[in-house]
C-alpha atoms as a PDB file:
ATOM      1  CA  MET A   1      12.885  14.067  -3.712  1.00  0.00           C
ATOM      2  CA  LEU A   2      12.908  10.857  -1.405  1.00  0.00           C
ATOM      3  CA  ARG A   3      15.848  10.690   1.071  1.00  0.00           C
ATOM      4  CA  ILE A   4      17.353   7.146   1.995  1.00  0.00           C
ATOM      5  CA  ALA A   5      19.421   6.457   5.051  1.00  0.00           C
ATOM      6  CA  ILE A   6      21.840   3.487   4.330  1.00  0.00           C
ATOM      7  CA  ASP A   7      23.516   1.882   7.281  1.00  0.00           C
ATOM      8  CA  ALA A   8      26.906   1.678   5.028  1.00  0.00           C
ATOM      9  CA  MET A   9      29.032  -0.511   7.570  1.00  0.00           C
ATOM     10  CA  GLY A  10      26.559  -2.970   8.949  1.00  0.00           C
ATOM     11  CA  GLY A  11      26.881  -5.902   6.553  1.00  0.00           C
ATOM     12  CA  ASP A  12      29.195  -8.713   6.967  1.00  0.00           C
ATOM     13  CA  PHE A  13      31.675  -7.483   4.040  1.00  0.00           C
ATOM     14  CA  GLY A  14      31.969  -4.027   5.068  1.00  0.00           C
ATOM     15  CA  PRO A  15      31.116  -0.894   2.957  1.00  0.00           C
ATOM     16  CA  GLN A  16      32.125  -2.001  -0.425  1.00  0.00           C
ATOM     17  CA  PRO A  17      29.170  -3.984  -1.411  1.00  0.00           C
ATOM     18  CA  ILE A  18      26.629  -1.734   0.232  1.00  0.00           C
ATOM     19  CA  MET A  19      28.071   1.538  -1.366  1.00  0.00           C
ATOM     20  CA  GLU A  20      28.321  -0.505  -4.721  1.00  0.00           C
ATOM     21  CA  GLY A  21      24.333  -1.214  -4.443  1.00  0.00           C
ATOM     22  CA  LEU A  22      23.639   2.311  -3.247  1.00  0.00           C
ATOM     23  CA  ILE A  23      25.703   3.693  -6.433  1.00  0.00           C
ATOM     24  CA  SER A  24      23.958   0.959  -8.755  1.00  0.00           C
ATOM     25  CA  ALA A  25      20.647   2.122  -7.279  1.00  0.00           C
ATOM     26  CA  LEU A  26      21.324   5.966  -7.856  1.00  0.00           C
ATOM     27  CA  ARG A  27      22.471   5.307 -11.422  1.00  0.00           C
ATOM     28  CA  HIS A  28      19.171   3.532 -12.190  1.00  0.00           C
ATOM     29  CA  ASN A  29      16.733   5.401 -10.380  1.00  0.00           C
ATOM     30  CA  THR A  30      16.849   9.509 -10.171  1.00  0.00           C
ATOM     31  CA  THR A  31      13.833   9.703  -7.596  1.00  0.00           C
ATOM     32  CA  PHE A  32      16.025   9.941  -4.350  1.00  0.00           C
ATOM     33  CA  THR A  33      19.239  10.783  -2.971  1.00  0.00           C
ATOM     34  CA  ALA A  34      21.031   8.882   0.108  1.00  0.00           C
ATOM     35  CA  ILE A  35      22.438   9.497   3.425  1.00  0.00           C
ATOM     36  CA  ALA A  36      25.512   6.956   3.914  1.00  0.00           C
ATOM     37  CA  VAL A  37      26.179   6.629   7.583  1.00  0.00           C
ATOM     38  CA  GLY A  38      29.690   5.400   8.528  1.00  0.00           C
ATOM     39  CA  ASP A  39      33.100   5.993   8.337  1.00  0.00           C
ATOM     40  CA  GLU A  40      33.803   8.982   5.971  1.00  0.00           C
ATOM     41  CA  LYS A  41      37.357   7.653   5.597  1.00  0.00           C
ATOM     42  CA  GLU A  42      36.182   4.547   4.129  1.00  0.00           C
ATOM     43  CA  LEU A  43      33.125   5.816   2.270  1.00  0.00           C
ATOM     44  CA  LYS A  44      34.368   8.585   0.689  1.00  0.00           C
ATOM     45  CA  PRO A  45      36.592   6.912  -1.687  1.00  0.00           C
ATOM     46  CA  LEU A  46      33.862   4.392  -2.879  1.00  0.00           C
ATOM     47  CA  ILE A  47      31.819   7.281  -4.210  1.00  0.00           C
ATOM     48  CA  PRO A  48      32.194   8.407  -7.840  1.00  0.00           C
ATOM     49  CA  PRO A  49      32.443  12.043  -8.261  1.00  0.00           C
ATOM     50  CA  TYR A  50      29.466  12.293 -10.483  1.00  0.00           C
ATOM     51  CA  LEU A  51      27.365  11.128  -7.751  1.00  0.00           C
ATOM     52  CA  ILE A  52      29.068  13.042  -4.980  1.00  0.00           C
ATOM     53  CA  ASP A  53      26.137  15.651  -5.028  1.00  0.00           C
ATOM     54  CA  ARG A  54      23.370  12.734  -4.550  1.00  0.00           C
ATOM     55  CA  ILE A  55      25.245  10.860  -1.472  1.00  0.00           C
ATOM     56  CA  GLU A  56      25.712  12.707   1.776  1.00  0.00           C
ATOM     57  CA  ILE A  57      27.991  10.945   4.275  1.00  0.00           C
ATOM     58  CA  LEU A  58      27.011  11.337   8.088  1.00  0.00           C
ATOM     59  CA  HIS A  59      30.221  10.201   9.697  1.00  0.00           C
ATOM     60  CA  THR A  60      30.533   7.898  12.513  1.00  0.00           C
ATOM     61  CA  THR A  61      33.012   4.864  13.258  1.00  0.00           C
ATOM     62  CA  ASP A  62      30.866   2.907  15.908  1.00  0.00           C
ATOM     63  CA  VAL A  63      29.203  -0.452  14.383  1.00  0.00           C
ATOM     64  CA  ILE A  64      27.188  -2.734  16.216  1.00  0.00           C
ATOM     65  CA  SER A  65      28.239  -6.249  15.152  1.00  0.00           C
ATOM     66  CA  MET A  66      26.292  -9.407  14.753  1.00  0.00           C
ATOM     67  CA  THR A  67      27.789 -10.779  18.098  1.00  0.00           C
ATOM     68  CA  ASP A  68      26.723  -7.854  20.020  1.00  0.00           C
ATOM     69  CA  SER A  69      23.358  -7.793  21.982  1.00  0.00           C
ATOM     70  CA  ALA A  70      20.299  -6.093  20.695  1.00  0.00           C
ATOM     71  CA  THR A  71      19.751  -4.653  23.795  1.00  0.00           C
ATOM     72  CA  ASP A  72      22.848  -2.495  23.612  1.00  0.00           C
ATOM     73  CA  ALA A  73      21.562  -0.656  20.569  1.00  0.00           C
ATOM     74  CA  LEU A  74      19.965   2.179  22.500  1.00  0.00           C
ATOM     75  CA  LYS A  75      22.852   2.916  24.765  1.00  0.00           C
ATOM     76  CA  ARG A  76      25.514   3.260  21.318  1.00  0.00           C
ATOM     77  CA  LYS A  77      23.916   6.374  20.219  1.00  0.00           C
ATOM     78  CA  GLU A  78      26.837   6.994  17.749  1.00  0.00           C
ATOM     79  CA  SER A  79      26.509   3.714  16.202  1.00  0.00           C
ATOM     80  CA  THR A  80      25.786   3.498  12.370  1.00  0.00           C
ATOM     81  CA  ILE A  81      22.186   1.946  12.748  1.00  0.00           C
ATOM     82  CA  PHE A  82      21.153   4.262  15.547  1.00  0.00           C
ATOM     83  CA  LYS A  83      22.066   7.345  13.707  1.00  0.00           C
ATOM     84  CA  ALA A  84      20.613   5.908  10.625  1.00  0.00           C
ATOM     85  CA  ILE A  85      17.187   5.397  12.524  1.00  0.00           C
ATOM     86  CA  GLU A  86      17.604   8.735  14.086  1.00  0.00           C
ATOM     87  CA  LEU A  87      17.586  10.481  10.582  1.00  0.00           C
ATOM     88  CA  VAL A  88      14.220   9.052   9.968  1.00  0.00           C
ATOM     89  CA  LYS A  89      12.841   9.887  13.503  1.00  0.00           C
ATOM     90  CA  GLU A  90      13.982  13.264  12.937  1.00  0.00           C
ATOM     91  CA  GLY A  91      12.171  13.533   9.382  1.00  0.00           C
ATOM     92  CA  LYS A  92      15.569  13.991   7.832  1.00  0.00           C
ATOM     93  CA  ALA A  93      15.127  10.600   5.686  1.00  0.00           C
ATOM     94  CA  ASP A  94      12.162   8.989   4.418  1.00  0.00           C
ATOM     95  CA  ALA A  95      13.283   5.368   4.962  1.00  0.00           C
ATOM     96  CA  VAL A  96      16.085   3.348   6.086  1.00  0.00           C
ATOM     97  CA  VAL A  97      18.150   0.365   4.955  1.00  0.00           C
ATOM     98  CA  SER A  98      20.322  -2.028   7.133  1.00  0.00           C
ATOM     99  CA  ALA A  99      22.180  -5.268   6.489  1.00  0.00           C
ATOM    100  CA  GLY A 100      23.550  -4.854   9.920  1.00  0.00           C
ATOM    101  CA  HIS A 101      22.386  -6.421  13.465  1.00  0.00           C
ATOM    102  CA  SER A 102      18.527  -7.321  12.641  1.00  0.00           C
ATOM    103  CA  GLY A 103      17.812  -7.195  16.090  1.00  0.00           C
ATOM    104  CA  ALA A 104      19.159  -3.671  16.798  1.00  0.00           C
ATOM    105  CA  SER A 105      17.350  -2.459  13.668  1.00  0.00           C
ATOM    106  CA  MET A 106      13.977  -3.801  15.087  1.00  0.00           C
ATOM    107  CA  SER A 107      14.396  -2.434  18.454  1.00  0.00           C
ATOM    108  CA  LEU A 108      15.632   1.034  17.501  1.00  0.00           C
ATOM    109  CA  ALA A 109      13.244   1.269  14.936  1.00  0.00           C
ATOM    110  CA  THR A 110      10.236   0.177  16.997  1.00  0.00           C
ATOM    111  CA  LEU A 111      11.360   2.591  19.984  1.00  0.00           C
ATOM    112  CA  ARG A 112      12.940   5.467  18.127  1.00  0.00           C
ATOM    113  CA  ILE A 113      10.584   5.875  15.214  1.00  0.00           C
ATOM    114  CA  GLY A 114       7.658   4.346  16.798  1.00  0.00           C
ATOM    115  CA  ARG A 115       4.740   1.865  16.083  1.00  0.00           C
ATOM    116  CA  ILE A 116       1.831   2.660  14.016  1.00  0.00           C
ATOM    117  CA  LYS A 117      -1.382   3.379  15.918  1.00  0.00           C
ATOM    118  CA  GLY A 118      -3.177   0.173  16.415  1.00  0.00           C
ATOM    119  CA  VAL A 119       0.130  -2.021  16.089  1.00  0.00           C
ATOM    120  CA  SER A 120       0.731  -4.097  18.964  1.00  0.00           C
ATOM    121  CA  ARG A 121       3.936  -5.451  17.639  1.00  0.00           C
ATOM    122  CA  PRO A 122       5.914  -4.820  14.280  1.00  0.00           C
ATOM    123  CA  ALA A 123       6.424  -7.892  11.904  1.00  0.00           C
ATOM    124  CA  ILE A 124       9.360  -8.737   9.570  1.00  0.00           C
ATOM    125  CA  ALA A 125       7.902  -9.829   6.067  1.00  0.00           C
ATOM    126  CA  THR A 126       9.615 -11.289   3.460  1.00  0.00           C
ATOM    127  CA  LEU A 127       8.800 -12.797  -0.230  1.00  0.00           C
ATOM    128  CA  MET A 128       8.984 -16.596  -0.875  1.00  0.00           C
ATOM    129  CA  PRO A 129       9.160 -17.846  -4.421  1.00  0.00           C
ATOM    130  CA  THR A 130       6.157 -19.972  -5.892  1.00  0.00           C
ATOM    131  CA  SER A 131       5.784 -22.413  -8.804  1.00  0.00           C
ATOM    132  CA  GLU A 132       3.600 -19.593 -10.179  1.00  0.00           C
ATOM    133  CA  ASN A 133       4.577 -16.481 -11.733  1.00  0.00           C
ATOM    134  CA  GLN A 134       4.357 -14.458  -8.337  1.00  0.00           C
ATOM    135  CA  ASN A 135       5.705 -14.376  -4.995  1.00  0.00           C
ATOM    136  CA  THR A 136       4.023 -15.105  -1.367  1.00  0.00           C
ATOM    137  CA  LEU A 137       4.327 -12.605   1.237  1.00  0.00           C
ATOM    138  CA  VAL A 138       5.080 -14.363   4.590  1.00  0.00           C
ATOM    139  CA  LEU A 139       4.940 -12.435   8.016  1.00  0.00           C
ATOM    140  CA  ASP A 140       6.441 -12.822  10.811  1.00  0.00           C
ATOM    141  CA  VAL A 141       9.766 -14.404   9.924  1.00  0.00           C
ATOM    142  CA  GLY A 142      11.657 -13.615  13.078  1.00  0.00           C
ATOM    143  CA  ALA A 143      10.400 -10.404  14.952  1.00  0.00           C
ATOM    144  CA  ASN A 144       8.208 -12.358  17.613  1.00  0.00           C
ATOM    145  CA  VAL A 145       8.734 -15.649  18.846  1.00  0.00           C
ATOM    146  CA  ASP A 146       5.548 -15.835  20.808  1.00  0.00           C
ATOM    147  CA  CYS A 147       2.521 -14.242  19.330  1.00  0.00           C
ATOM    148  CA  ASP A 148      -1.145 -14.109  20.361  1.00  0.00           C
ATOM    149  CA  ALA A 149      -4.163 -14.133  18.046  1.00  0.00           C
ATOM    150  CA  LYS A 150      -4.455 -10.280  18.047  1.00  0.00           C
ATOM    151  CA  ASN A 151      -0.768 -10.231  16.553  1.00  0.00           C
ATOM    152  CA  LEU A 152      -1.623 -12.463  14.025  1.00  0.00           C
ATOM    153  CA  PHE A 153      -4.662 -10.557  13.239  1.00  0.00           C
ATOM    154  CA  GLU A 154      -2.609  -7.357  13.011  1.00  0.00           C
ATOM    155  CA  PHE A 155       0.053  -9.369  10.719  1.00  0.00           C
ATOM    156  CA  ALA A 156      -2.770 -10.206   8.443  1.00  0.00           C
ATOM    157  CA  ILE A 157      -3.730  -6.570   7.899  1.00  0.00           C
ATOM    158  CA  MET A 158      -0.472  -5.206   7.503  1.00  0.00           C
ATOM    159  CA  GLY A 159       0.809  -7.956   5.082  1.00  0.00           C
ATOM    160  CA  GLN A 160      -2.426  -7.373   3.220  1.00  0.00           C
ATOM    161  CA  VAL A 161      -1.888  -3.483   2.889  1.00  0.00           C
ATOM    162  CA  TYR A 162       1.429  -4.099   1.892  1.00  0.00           C
ATOM    163  CA  ALA A 163       0.501  -6.332  -0.876  1.00  0.00           C
ATOM    164  CA  GLN A 164      -1.858  -3.824  -2.170  1.00  0.00           C
ATOM    165  CA  ASP A 165       0.307  -0.656  -1.692  1.00  0.00           C
ATOM    166  CA  VAL A 166       3.917  -1.692  -2.504  1.00  0.00           C
ATOM    167  CA  LEU A 167       3.343  -4.899  -4.715  1.00  0.00           C
ATOM    168  CA  GLN A 168       0.678  -3.685  -6.375  1.00  0.00           C
ATOM    169  CA  LEU A 169      -1.785  -6.563  -5.922  1.00  0.00           C
ATOM    170  CA  ASP A 170      -5.576  -5.406  -6.195  1.00  0.00           C
ATOM    171  CA  GLU A 171      -7.122  -7.936  -3.833  1.00  0.00           C
ATOM    172  CA  PRO A 172      -4.688 -10.009  -2.061  1.00  0.00           C
ATOM    173  CA  LEU A 173      -5.655 -13.360  -0.706  1.00  0.00           C
ATOM    174  CA  VAL A 174      -4.558 -14.084   3.182  1.00  0.00           C
ATOM    175  CA  GLY A 175      -4.284 -17.242   4.601  1.00  0.00           C
ATOM    176  CA  LEU A 176      -3.324 -18.356   8.182  1.00  0.00           C
ATOM    177  CA  LEU A 177      -0.733 -20.844   8.330  1.00  0.00           C
ATOM    178  CA  SER A 178      -1.691 -24.098   9.970  1.00  0.00           C
ATOM    179  CA  ASN A 179      -1.367 -28.103  10.234  1.00  0.00           C
ATOM    180  CA  GLY A 180      -4.482 -28.503   8.135  1.00  0.00           C
ATOM    181  CA  GLU A 181      -6.834 -26.590   5.919  1.00  0.00           C
ATOM    182  CA  GLU A 182      -9.788 -27.446   8.156  1.00  0.00           C
ATOM    183  CA  GLU A 183     -11.078 -24.496  10.174  1.00  0.00           C
ATOM    184  CA  SER A 184     -10.867 -27.096  13.308  1.00  0.00           C
ATOM    185  CA  LYS A 185      -6.936 -27.303  12.715  1.00  0.00           C
ATOM    186  CA  GLY A 186      -4.089 -25.607  14.729  1.00  0.00           C
ATOM    187  CA  ASN A 187      -3.605 -24.595  18.296  1.00  0.00           C
ATOM    188  CA  GLU A 188      -5.858 -22.390  20.369  1.00  0.00           C
ATOM    189  CA  ILE A 189      -4.036 -19.268  19.236  1.00  0.00           C
ATOM    190  CA  THR A 190      -4.461 -20.106  15.541  1.00  0.00           C
ATOM    191  CA  LYS A 191      -8.211 -21.168  16.041  1.00  0.00           C
ATOM    192  CA  GLU A 192      -8.686 -17.874  17.806  1.00  0.00           C
ATOM    193  CA  ALA A 193      -6.867 -15.923  14.843  1.00  0.00           C
ATOM    194  CA  PHE A 194      -9.098 -17.813  12.512  1.00  0.00           C
ATOM    195  CA  THR A 195     -12.206 -16.315  14.218  1.00  0.00           C
ATOM    196  CA  MET A 196     -10.888 -12.891  14.105  1.00  0.00           C
ATOM    197  CA  LEU A 197      -9.528 -13.113  10.387  1.00  0.00           C
ATOM    198  CA  SER A 198     -12.929 -14.321   9.317  1.00  0.00           C
ATOM    199  CA  LYS A 199     -14.017 -10.770   9.494  1.00  0.00           C
ATOM    200  CA  ILE A 200     -11.599  -9.226   7.006  1.00  0.00           C
ATOM    201  CA  PRO A 201     -12.127  -9.422   2.983  1.00  0.00           C
ATOM    202  CA  ASN A 202     -10.305 -12.090   0.973  1.00  0.00           C
ATOM    203  CA  PHE A 203      -9.140 -14.309   3.799  1.00  0.00           C
ATOM    204  CA  ALA A 204      -8.983 -17.629   2.258  1.00  0.00           C
ATOM    205  CA  GLY A 205      -8.812 -19.409   5.570  1.00  0.00           C
ATOM    206  CA  ASN A 206      -5.954 -21.991   6.964  1.00  0.00           C
ATOM    207  CA  VAL A 207      -3.053 -23.054   4.614  1.00  0.00           C
ATOM    208  CA  GLU A 208      -0.419 -25.637   4.910  1.00  0.00           C
ATOM    209  CA  GLY A 209       3.333 -24.995   4.503  1.00  0.00           C
ATOM    210  CA  SER A 210       2.922 -26.438   0.867  1.00  0.00           C
ATOM    211  CA  ASP A 211       0.940 -23.552  -0.118  1.00  0.00           C
ATOM    212  CA  VAL A 212       3.264 -21.039   0.782  1.00  0.00           C
ATOM    213  CA  PHE A 213       5.471 -22.049  -2.404  1.00  0.00           C
ATOM    214  CA  LYS A 214       2.190 -22.972  -4.746  1.00  0.00           C
ATOM    215  CA  GLY A 215       1.371 -19.460  -4.798  1.00  0.00           C
ATOM    216  CA  THR A 216      -2.296 -20.441  -3.519  1.00  0.00           C
ATOM    217  CA  VAL A 217      -2.620 -17.124  -1.542  1.00  0.00           C
ATOM    218  CA  ASP A 218      -0.731 -13.793  -1.695  1.00  0.00           C
ATOM    219  CA  VAL A 219       0.068 -13.148   1.913  1.00  0.00           C
ATOM    220  CA  VAL A 220       0.650 -15.968   4.774  1.00  0.00           C
ATOM    221  CA  VAL A 221       0.384 -15.410   8.465  1.00  0.00           C
ATOM    222  CA  CYS A 222       2.374 -17.062  11.558  1.00  0.00           C
ATOM    223  CA  ASP A 223       4.124 -16.058  14.412  1.00  0.00           C
ATOM    224  CA  GLY A 224       7.871 -15.459  14.001  1.00  0.00           C
ATOM    225  CA  PHE A 225       9.278 -18.857  15.448  1.00  0.00           C
ATOM    226  CA  ILE A 226       7.490 -20.692  12.734  1.00  0.00           C
ATOM    227  CA  GLY A 227       8.199 -18.238  10.186  1.00  0.00           C
ATOM    228  CA  ASN A 228      11.912 -18.226  10.785  1.00  0.00           C
ATOM    229  CA  ILE A 229      11.838 -22.092  10.564  1.00  0.00           C
ATOM    230  CA  LEU A 230      10.110 -21.790   7.366  1.00  0.00           C
ATOM    231  CA  LEU A 231      12.376 -18.922   5.993  1.00  0.00           C
ATOM    232  CA  LYS A 232      15.841 -20.900   6.996  1.00  0.00           C
ATOM    233  CA  THR A 233      14.426 -24.185   5.721  1.00  0.00           C
ATOM    234  CA  ALA A 234      13.264 -22.912   2.330  1.00  0.00           C
ATOM    235  CA  GLU A 235      17.015 -21.360   2.182  1.00  0.00           C
ATOM    236  CA  GLY A 236      18.235 -24.557   2.955  1.00  0.00           C
ATOM    237  CA  VAL A 237      16.265 -26.540   0.433  1.00  0.00           C
ATOM    238  CA  ALA A 238      17.121 -23.938  -2.398  1.00  0.00           C
ATOM    239  CA  ASP A 239      20.830 -24.438  -1.545  1.00  0.00           C
ATOM    240  CA  THR A 240      20.670 -28.179  -1.450  1.00  0.00           C
ATOM    241  CA  ILE A 241      18.589 -28.317  -5.039  1.00  0.00           C
ATOM    242  CA  GLY A 242      21.523 -26.189  -6.440  1.00  0.00           C
ATOM    243  CA  LYS A 243      24.267 -28.475  -5.043  1.00  0.00           C
ATOM    244  CA  ILE A 244      22.320 -31.591  -6.282  1.00  0.00           C
ATOM    245  CA  ILE A 245      21.866 -30.587  -9.622  1.00  0.00           C
ATOM    246  CA  LYS A 246      25.532 -29.426 -10.022  1.00  0.00           C
ATOM    247  CA  LYS A 247      26.711 -32.757  -8.849  1.00  0.00           C
ATOM    248  CA  ASP A 248      24.508 -34.794 -11.435  1.00  0.00           C
ATOM    249  CA  LEU A 249      25.848 -32.536 -14.071  1.00  0.00           C
ATOM    250  CA  LYS A 250      29.013 -33.479 -13.691  1.00  0.00           C
ATOM    251  CA  ARG A 251      28.447 -37.307 -13.672  1.00  0.00           C
ATOM    252  CA  SER A 252      27.966 -37.730 -17.413  1.00  0.00           C
ATOM    253  CA  LEU A 253      28.524 -36.023 -20.828  1.00  0.00           C
ATOM    254  CA  ILE A 254      24.689 -36.377 -21.394  1.00  0.00           C
ATOM    255  CA  SER A 255      23.749 -34.320 -18.406  1.00  0.00           C
ATOM    256  CA  ILE A 256      26.359 -31.840 -19.619  1.00  0.00           C
ATOM    257  CA  ALA A 257      24.798 -31.485 -22.969  1.00  0.00           C
ATOM    258  CA  GLY A 258      21.341 -31.146 -21.347  1.00  0.00           C
ATOM    259  CA  ALA A 259      22.621 -28.521 -19.205  1.00  0.00           C
ATOM    260  CA  VAL A 260      23.592 -26.327 -21.863  1.00  0.00           C
ATOM    261  CA  LEU A 261      20.153 -26.667 -23.331  1.00  0.00           C
ATOM    262  CA  MET A 262      18.469 -25.828 -20.105  1.00  0.00           C
ATOM    263  CA  ARG A 263      20.790 -23.130 -19.246  1.00  0.00           C
ATOM    264  CA  LYS A 264      17.863 -20.571 -19.212  1.00  0.00           C
ATOM    265  CA  VAL A 265      15.857 -22.719 -17.172  1.00  0.00           C
ATOM    266  CA  PHE A 266      18.466 -23.100 -14.794  1.00  0.00           C
ATOM    267  CA  LYS A 267      18.902 -19.367 -14.540  1.00  0.00           C
ATOM    268  CA  ASN A 268      15.555 -18.527 -14.185  1.00  0.00           C
ATOM    269  CA  LEU A 269      15.443 -20.996 -11.164  1.00  0.00           C
ATOM    270  CA  LYS A 270      18.485 -19.476  -9.544  1.00  0.00           C
ATOM    271  CA  VAL A 271      16.779 -15.889  -9.890  1.00  0.00           C
ATOM    272  CA  ARG A 272      13.550 -17.165  -8.218  1.00  0.00           C
ATOM    273  CA  VAL A 273      15.377 -18.647  -5.202  1.00  0.00           C
ATOM    274  CA  ASP A 274      17.938 -16.136  -4.883  1.00  0.00           C
ATOM    275  CA  TYR A 275      17.450 -13.770  -1.981  1.00  0.00           C
ATOM    276  CA  ALA A 276      19.379 -10.959  -3.971  1.00  0.00           C
ATOM    277  CA  GLU A 277      16.359 -10.522  -6.141  1.00  0.00           C
ATOM    278  CA  TYR A 278      14.304  -9.398  -3.294  1.00  0.00           C
ATOM    279  CA  GLY A 279      16.609  -7.299  -1.392  1.00  0.00           C
ATOM    280  CA  GLY A 280      15.471  -7.054   2.100  1.00  0.00           C
ATOM    281  CA  ALA A 281      12.849  -7.783   4.358  1.00  0.00           C
ATOM    282  CA  PRO A 282      10.290  -5.009   5.358  1.00  0.00           C
ATOM    283  CA  LEU A 283       9.681  -4.348   9.103  1.00  0.00           C
ATOM    284  CA  LEU A 284       5.943  -3.458   9.002  1.00  0.00           C
ATOM    285  CA  GLY A 285       4.250  -1.749  11.725  1.00  0.00           C
ATOM    286  CA  VAL A 286       6.716   1.280  12.354  1.00  0.00           C
ATOM    287  CA  LYS A 287       5.884   4.439  11.150  1.00  0.00           C
ATOM    288  CA  ALA A 288       8.343   4.762   8.453  1.00  0.00           C
ATOM    289  CA  PRO A 289      10.010   2.116   6.023  1.00  0.00           C
ATOM    290  CA  VAL A 290      12.725   0.069   7.488  1.00  0.00           C
ATOM    291  CA  ILE A 291      14.200  -2.661   5.382  1.00  0.00           C
ATOM    292  CA  ILE A 292      16.362  -5.230   6.843  1.00  0.00           C
ATOM    293  CA  ALA A 293      18.950  -6.861   4.269  1.00  0.00           C
ATOM    294  CA  HIS A 294      20.618  -9.932   4.758  1.00  0.00           C
ATOM    295  CA  GLY A 295      24.057  -9.591   6.619  1.00  0.00           C
ATOM    296  CA  LYS A 296      25.641 -11.247   3.447  1.00  0.00           C
ATOM    297  CA  SER A 297      24.059  -8.890   1.068  1.00  0.00           C
ATOM    298  CA  ASN A 298      26.087  -8.221  -2.242  1.00  0.00           C
ATOM    299  CA  ASN A 299      25.584  -5.065  -4.137  1.00  0.00           C
ATOM    300  CA  LYS A 300      22.487  -6.581  -6.089  1.00  0.00           C
ATOM    301  CA  ALA A 301      20.904  -7.109  -2.830  1.00  0.00           C
ATOM    302  CA  ILE A 302      21.349  -3.917  -1.573  1.00  0.00           C
ATOM    303  CA  GLN A 303      20.170  -2.162  -4.672  1.00  0.00           C
ATOM    304  CA  ASN A 304      16.860  -4.119  -4.517  1.00  0.00           C
ATOM    305  CA  ALA A 305      16.512  -3.366  -0.774  1.00  0.00           C
ATOM    306  CA  ILE A 306      16.709   0.534  -1.689  1.00  0.00           C
ATOM    307  CA  TYR A 307      14.066  -0.116  -4.305  1.00  0.00           C
ATOM    308  CA  GLN A 308      11.650  -1.702  -1.715  1.00  0.00           C
ATOM    309  CA  ALA A 309      12.381   1.303   0.372  1.00  0.00           C
ATOM    310  CA  ILE A 310      11.609   3.835  -2.078  1.00  0.00           C
ATOM    311  CA  ASN A 311       8.468   1.815  -3.308  1.00  0.00           C
ATOM    312  CA  ALA A 312       7.244   1.802   0.505  1.00  0.00           C
ATOM    313  CA  ALA A 313       8.098   5.515   1.085  1.00  0.00           C
ATOM    314  CA  SER A 314       6.133   6.407  -1.979  1.00  0.00           C
ATOM    315  CA  SER A 315       3.280   4.699  -1.081  1.00  0.00           C
ATOM    316  CA  ASN A 316       0.433   5.351   1.655  1.00  0.00           C
ATOM    317  CA  LEU A 317       1.606   2.257   3.443  1.00  0.00           C
ATOM    318  CA  ASP A 318       1.466   3.680   7.039  1.00  0.00           C
ATOM    319  CA  SER A 319      -1.705   5.548   7.155  1.00  0.00           C
ATOM    320  CA  ASP A 320      -3.520   2.727   5.241  1.00  0.00           C
ATOM    321  CA  ILE A 321      -2.559   0.160   7.868  1.00  0.00           C
ATOM    322  CA  GLU A 322      -3.599   2.611  10.665  1.00  0.00           C
ATOM    323  CA  GLU A 323      -6.871   2.992   8.687  1.00  0.00           C
ATOM    324  CA  ARG A 324      -7.302  -0.769   8.029  1.00  0.00           C
ATOM    325  CA  LEU A 325      -6.623  -1.611  11.589  1.00  0.00           C
ATOM    326  CA  LYS A 326      -9.008   0.983  13.004  1.00  0.00           C
ATOM    327  CA  LEU A 327     -11.809  -0.261  10.383  1.00  0.00           C
ATOM    328  CA  TYR A 328     -11.570  -3.854  11.717  1.00  0.00           C
ATOM    329  CA  ALA A 329     -10.784  -2.908  15.564  1.00  0.00           C
ATOM    330  CA  ILE A 330     -10.606  -5.689  17.754  1.00  0.00           C
ATOM    331  CA  GLU A 331     -12.003  -4.992  21.450  1.00  0.00           C
ATOM    332  CA  LYS A 332      -9.368  -5.728  23.857  1.00  0.00           C
END
């Protein structure tokens, strides 16, 4: 049975939504047990008696806050995220989920769990909604501000393997984010990356920002600077559209009547753009699944983040990434 380590204190709203999400996941999935890392006095009252045998508490009171520096994470060995990561490193857990300090999670996972052989830099991947009945996997969205062509090549391999092993896509198409579809478009790094990516199967070439939301390809590759801006812009647009719709509905009875008729459509729209539906972002390139959830995650987001961790831990993701990188190795 799989064991999932949970940083139970790291989110913006304390342990309650995290534990509620964990409890919900345990109710609906019997394939795993959990190790909740945090203050036992706060966590124990949140666990129902019938689940006490499936949730172990690893007691610690130190929590790395969002205002702390990620560089301090290695020194604070009693912190919740350090102990959660260490459980995976020691083989006592198969995956880790945290809604805490993302920089601390990334640095600790990279240094303590270690990188998959052949990976220069791990990358954060996230699912973006599209106009089709699918999602686009985008990476990197924040782990690496500056990347070279080799990094982008590795991101493409990791994203493609994740799409196959975890998202269960047969032949995922990969696109390189650029300022035009033509091969001649882009900066020197993306042009060099284009040449490297041309050797892997199902490389669709350059894609533009709009293609992310059209579902033109399954995986979109970019550096973490551009990817993070893309992610934050998409979140802002989704929020703005929701507010515009609400304001317009209040302006007339006709709009209100239409809203009643379109309730299911609006509900589906909310589901498609709600980050809670996707749970968290996997850190690809480390030797075990690490899921980084949003700091403001509610219980539904945590539940789905745990499901992501289970799916990744149940696959051959790490070994498949290593084998694929070896197959398409680039000379240094």
